[in-house]
């Protein structure tokens, strides 16, 4: 299952944290907004499709370099609601990492403070289902940030296009090994174009398009069907 807390306790967690959370606008907005119920049809939901670029995979020791996202509403990607933020980080970026994400030390110094980026992110997360490709990165870095800043982790519903594809292939006896489940390999499998540019927002848009392609001609009409 791809939610961070059992669904029955989401509202209890949210309401309890709202009473003790610091008075930051985005965080308060997120915690004031009820979660969708599992029986909600998927075409009635709003999704925040999220991607982080980081200095590494360990959320305890590495840093978020950029945050990109887009929104799916009415089963369409809303490009006008997409955004991208480079984060100011006080460490050198390894040269091999720059090749991947293109964020240089100079660009990073012109970035925004992580607290401001994250509070803005919480505001747009409110009332939406989170959607990522390979949830270990975004899930772990989000929760590590919350634990450091607030002393608690937050409840959320997060769907993972990698896990959705993996379950589908297992049910239909299809292979899912090696690099087959990488984002851009799956896009090729679904006949989606390859983006030349690479940043967190482009990857979020690529994930959103993959998600919509995955749902074509599949019998998964409600949120709960994507979570099991």
Protein backbone atom coordinates (compact mmCIF):
# COMPACT_ATOMS: atom_id res chain seq x y z
CA UNK A 1 0.00 0.00 0.00
CA UNK A 2 1.28 3.47 -0.92
CA UNK A 3 -0.02 5.72 1.83
CA UNK A 4 2.15 6.70 4.77
CA UNK A 5 -0.44 6.08 7.46
CA UNK A 6 -3.45 3.72 7.39
CA UNK A 7 -6.30 5.74 5.89
CA UNK A 8 -8.58 5.41 8.91
CA UNK A 9 -6.06 7.28 11.03
CA UNK A 10 -5.28 10.05 8.53
CA UNK A 11 -7.92 12.42 9.84
CA UNK A 12 -7.03 11.68 13.45
CA UNK A 13 -3.37 12.37 12.73
CA UNK A 14 -4.17 15.54 10.82
CA UNK A 15 -6.42 16.98 13.51
CA UNK A 16 -3.96 16.15 16.30
CA UNK A 17 -1.04 17.77 14.48
CA UNK A 18 -3.06 20.86 13.61
CA UNK A 19 -3.31 21.66 17.33
CA UNK A 20 0.45 21.68 17.86
CA UNK A 21 1.88 22.64 14.47
CA UNK A 22 3.75 25.96 14.20
CA UNK A 23 1.85 28.84 12.66
CA UNK A 24 3.31 28.67 9.14
CA UNK A 25 0.79 29.51 6.44
CA UNK A 26 1.42 26.55 4.12
CA UNK A 27 1.68 23.92 6.84
CA UNK A 28 -1.47 25.20 8.55
CA UNK A 29 -3.35 25.15 5.24
CA UNK A 30 -2.26 21.57 4.62
CA UNK A 31 -3.26 20.36 8.07
CA UNK A 32 -6.61 22.18 8.00
CA UNK A 33 -7.71 20.41 4.82
CA UNK A 34 -9.42 16.98 5.15
CA UNK A 35 -8.11 14.03 3.13
CA UNK A 36 -10.19 12.53 0.30
CA UNK A 37 -11.96 9.30 1.16
CA UNK A 38 -10.80 6.08 -0.49
CA UNK A 39 -14.01 5.56 -2.43
CA UNK A 40 -13.58 8.85 -4.32
CA UNK A 41 -13.53 8.27 -8.12
CA UNK A 42 -10.07 8.98 -9.47
CA UNK A 43 -11.37 11.50 -12.00
CA UNK A 44 -12.78 13.65 -9.18
CA UNK A 45 -9.44 14.00 -7.39
CA UNK A 46 -6.78 16.66 -7.69
CA UNK A 47 -3.19 15.40 -7.80
CA UNK A 48 0.04 17.21 -7.02
CA UNK A 49 2.74 15.53 -9.08
CA UNK A 50 6.04 16.08 -7.33
CA UNK A 51 9.75 15.65 -8.01
CA UNK A 52 12.84 16.50 -5.94
CA UNK A 53 16.41 16.84 -7.13
CA UNK A 54 18.78 16.01 -4.26
CA UNK A 55 22.50 15.71 -3.55
CA UNK A 56 22.02 12.00 -2.81
CA UNK A 57 19.51 9.40 -1.68
CA UNK A 58 20.00 9.50 2.10
CA UNK A 59 17.42 11.91 3.47
CA UNK A 60 19.25 12.12 6.80
CA UNK A 61 22.50 13.44 5.36
CA UNK A 62 21.76 14.79 1.87
CA UNK A 63 20.01 17.98 0.78
CA UNK A 64 17.14 18.98 -1.49
CA UNK A 65 18.45 20.98 -4.45
CA UNK A 66 15.21 21.74 -6.24
CA UNK A 67 11.49 21.10 -6.05
CA UNK A 68 9.30 20.80 -9.12
CA UNK A 69 5.63 20.01 -9.47
CA UNK A 70 2.57 20.11 -11.66
CA UNK A 71 -1.13 19.48 -11.07
CA UNK A 72 -3.62 17.01 -12.53
CA UNK A 73 -7.28 18.07 -12.40
CA UNK A 74 -10.17 16.60 -14.39
CA UNK A 75 -7.62 14.00 -15.58
CA UNK A 76 -5.62 16.65 -17.42
CA UNK A 77 -2.16 18.04 -16.71
CA UNK A 78 -2.53 21.71 -15.76
CA UNK A 79 0.74 23.12 -17.06
CA UNK A 80 -0.21 26.60 -15.89
CA UNK A 81 -0.09 25.34 -12.30
CA UNK A 82 3.42 23.90 -12.66
CA UNK A 83 6.34 25.42 -10.77
CA UNK A 84 10.04 24.91 -10.12
CA UNK A 85 12.18 26.16 -7.22
CA UNK A 86 15.95 25.92 -6.80
CA UNK A 87 16.95 25.69 -3.14
CA UNK A 88 19.85 27.56 -1.55
CA UNK A 89 22.20 24.90 -0.12
CA UNK A 90 25.39 25.61 1.81
CA UNK A 91 27.53 22.85 0.36
CA UNK A 92 29.43 22.14 -2.82
CA UNK A 93 27.63 20.21 -5.51
CA UNK A 94 29.58 17.16 -6.74
CA UNK A 95 30.50 17.55 -10.44
CA UNK A 96 28.97 14.17 -11.30
CA UNK A 97 25.69 15.34 -9.76
CA UNK A 98 25.64 18.55 -11.82
CA UNK A 99 25.67 16.45 -15.00
CA UNK A 100 22.35 14.91 -13.92
CA UNK A 101 20.35 17.87 -12.63
CA UNK A 102 22.20 20.86 -14.10
CA UNK A 103 22.15 22.84 -10.83
CA UNK A 104 25.50 24.58 -10.41
CA UNK A 105 26.87 26.24 -7.26
CA UNK A 106 26.10 29.67 -8.77
CA UNK A 107 22.47 28.78 -9.48
CA UNK A 108 22.10 27.31 -6.02
CA UNK A 109 23.31 30.50 -4.33
CA UNK A 110 20.53 32.38 -6.11
CA UNK A 111 17.98 29.86 -4.85
CA UNK A 112 15.31 30.22 -2.17
CA UNK A 113 15.58 29.13 1.44
CA UNK A 114 14.32 25.59 1.94
CA UNK A 115 11.81 26.65 4.60
CA UNK A 116 10.10 29.05 2.20
CA UNK A 117 10.04 26.48 -0.61
CA UNK A 118 8.59 23.80 1.64
CA UNK A 119 5.92 26.00 3.19
CA UNK A 120 4.79 27.02 -0.30
CA UNK A 121 4.78 23.33 -1.21
CA UNK A 122 2.58 22.40 1.76
CA UNK A 123 0.07 25.01 0.65
CA UNK A 124 -0.32 23.45 -2.82
CA UNK A 125 -0.37 19.95 -1.29
CA UNK A 126 -3.54 20.79 0.66
CA UNK A 127 -6.48 18.64 -0.43
CA UNK A 128 -4.49 16.89 -3.15
CA UNK A 129 -3.18 13.37 -3.65
CA UNK A 130 0.60 13.32 -3.98
CA UNK A 131 1.93 11.52 -7.04
CA UNK A 132 5.58 10.62 -7.66
CA UNK A 133 7.72 8.13 -9.53
CA UNK A 134 9.67 6.00 -7.01
CA UNK A 135 8.33 7.33 -3.74
CA UNK A 136 11.39 6.66 -1.57
CA UNK A 137 13.00 9.98 -2.51
CA UNK A 138 10.13 12.43 -2.09
CA UNK A 139 8.54 10.56 0.82
CA UNK A 140 11.77 10.27 2.80
CA UNK A 141 12.98 13.82 2.16
CA UNK A 142 9.57 15.33 2.97
CA UNK A 143 9.32 13.45 6.23
CA UNK A 144 12.96 14.08 7.18
CA UNK A 145 12.38 17.80 6.69
CA UNK A 146 9.23 17.75 8.83
CA UNK A 147 10.95 15.80 11.59
CA UNK A 148 13.88 18.23 11.69
CA UNK A 149 11.78 21.40 11.48
CA UNK A 150 8.67 20.52 13.45
CA UNK A 151 9.52 17.44 15.49
CA UNK A 152 6.89 15.29 13.76
CA UNK A 153 6.14 13.64 10.44
CA UNK A 154 2.94 14.43 8.56
CA UNK A 155 0.14 12.18 7.28
CA UNK A 156 -0.27 12.11 3.52
CA UNK A 157 -1.57 9.99 0.67
CA UNK A 158 1.15 9.35 -1.89
CA UNK A 159 0.74 7.34 -5.08
CA UNK A 160 3.74 5.99 -6.97
CA UNK A 161 3.66 5.42 -10.74
CA UNK A 162 6.49 2.90 -10.40
CA UNK A 163 4.49 0.83 -7.90
CA UNK A 164 1.32 1.15 -9.99
CA UNK A 165 3.17 -0.24 -12.99
CA UNK A 166 4.88 -2.96 -10.99
CA UNK A 167 1.56 -4.25 -9.63
CA UNK A 168 -0.04 -4.15 -13.08
CA UNK A 169 2.81 -6.15 -14.62
CA UNK A 170 2.80 -8.70 -11.82
CA UNK A 171 -0.94 -9.27 -12.22
CA UNK A 172 -0.53 -9.82 -15.94
CA UNK A 173 2.62 -11.95 -15.80
CA UNK A 174 4.78 -9.28 -17.41
CA UNK A 175 8.45 -8.62 -16.71
CA UNK A 176 9.43 -5.75 -14.44
CA UNK A 177 13.14 -6.17 -13.80
CA UNK A 178 16.30 -4.19 -14.35
CA UNK A 179 15.72 -0.69 -15.68
CA UNK A 180 12.29 -1.42 -17.14
CA UNK A 181 10.51 0.62 -14.48
CA UNK A 182 12.61 3.76 -14.81
CA UNK A 183 10.49 6.80 -15.64
CA UNK A 184 11.72 7.44 -19.16
CA UNK A 185 11.79 3.76 -20.10
CA UNK A 186 8.15 3.46 -19.07
CA UNK A 187 7.29 6.57 -21.05
CA UNK A 188 8.80 4.90 -24.12
CA UNK A 189 6.71 1.77 -23.44
CA UNK A 190 3.57 3.93 -23.39
CA UNK A 191 4.50 5.79 -26.56
CA UNK A 192 5.21 9.06 -24.77
CA UNK A 193 7.92 11.41 -26.10
CA UNK A 194 11.28 11.88 -24.42
CA UNK A 195 11.98 15.30 -22.96
CA UNK A 196 15.41 16.72 -23.81
CA UNK A 197 15.50 19.06 -20.82
CA UNK A 198 15.87 17.65 -17.33
CA UNK A 199 14.82 19.34 -14.12
CA UNK A 200 12.42 18.60 -11.29
CA UNK A 201 9.43 20.27 -12.95
CA UNK A 202 9.99 18.49 -16.28
CA UNK A 203 10.25 15.17 -14.44
CA UNK A 204 7.01 15.95 -12.57
CA UNK A 205 5.24 16.67 -15.86
CA UNK A 206 6.70 13.47 -17.32
CA UNK A 207 5.36 11.54 -14.32
CA UNK A 208 1.92 13.13 -14.67
CA UNK A 209 1.71 12.13 -18.33
CA UNK A 210 2.81 8.59 -17.49
CA UNK A 211 0.13 8.32 -14.80
CA UNK A 212 -2.63 9.34 -17.21
CA UNK A 213 -1.32 6.86 -19.78
CA UNK A 214 -1.28 4.09 -17.16
CA UNK A 215 -4.95 4.67 -16.38
CA UNK A 216 -6.08 4.43 -19.99
CA UNK A 217 -8.33 1.38 -20.46
CA UNK A 218 -7.75 0.14 -16.91
CA UNK A 219 -10.47 -0.74 -14.45
CA UNK A 220 -9.24 1.32 -11.50
CA UNK A 221 -12.08 3.76 -10.93
CA UNK A 222 -11.49 4.76 -7.30
CA UNK A 223 -8.61 5.97 -5.15
CA UNK A 224 -8.51 2.73 -3.19
CA UNK A 225 -7.89 0.78 -6.40
CA UNK A 226 -4.63 2.66 -6.95
CA UNK A 227 -3.47 2.05 -3.40
CA UNK A 228 -3.64 -1.75 -3.25
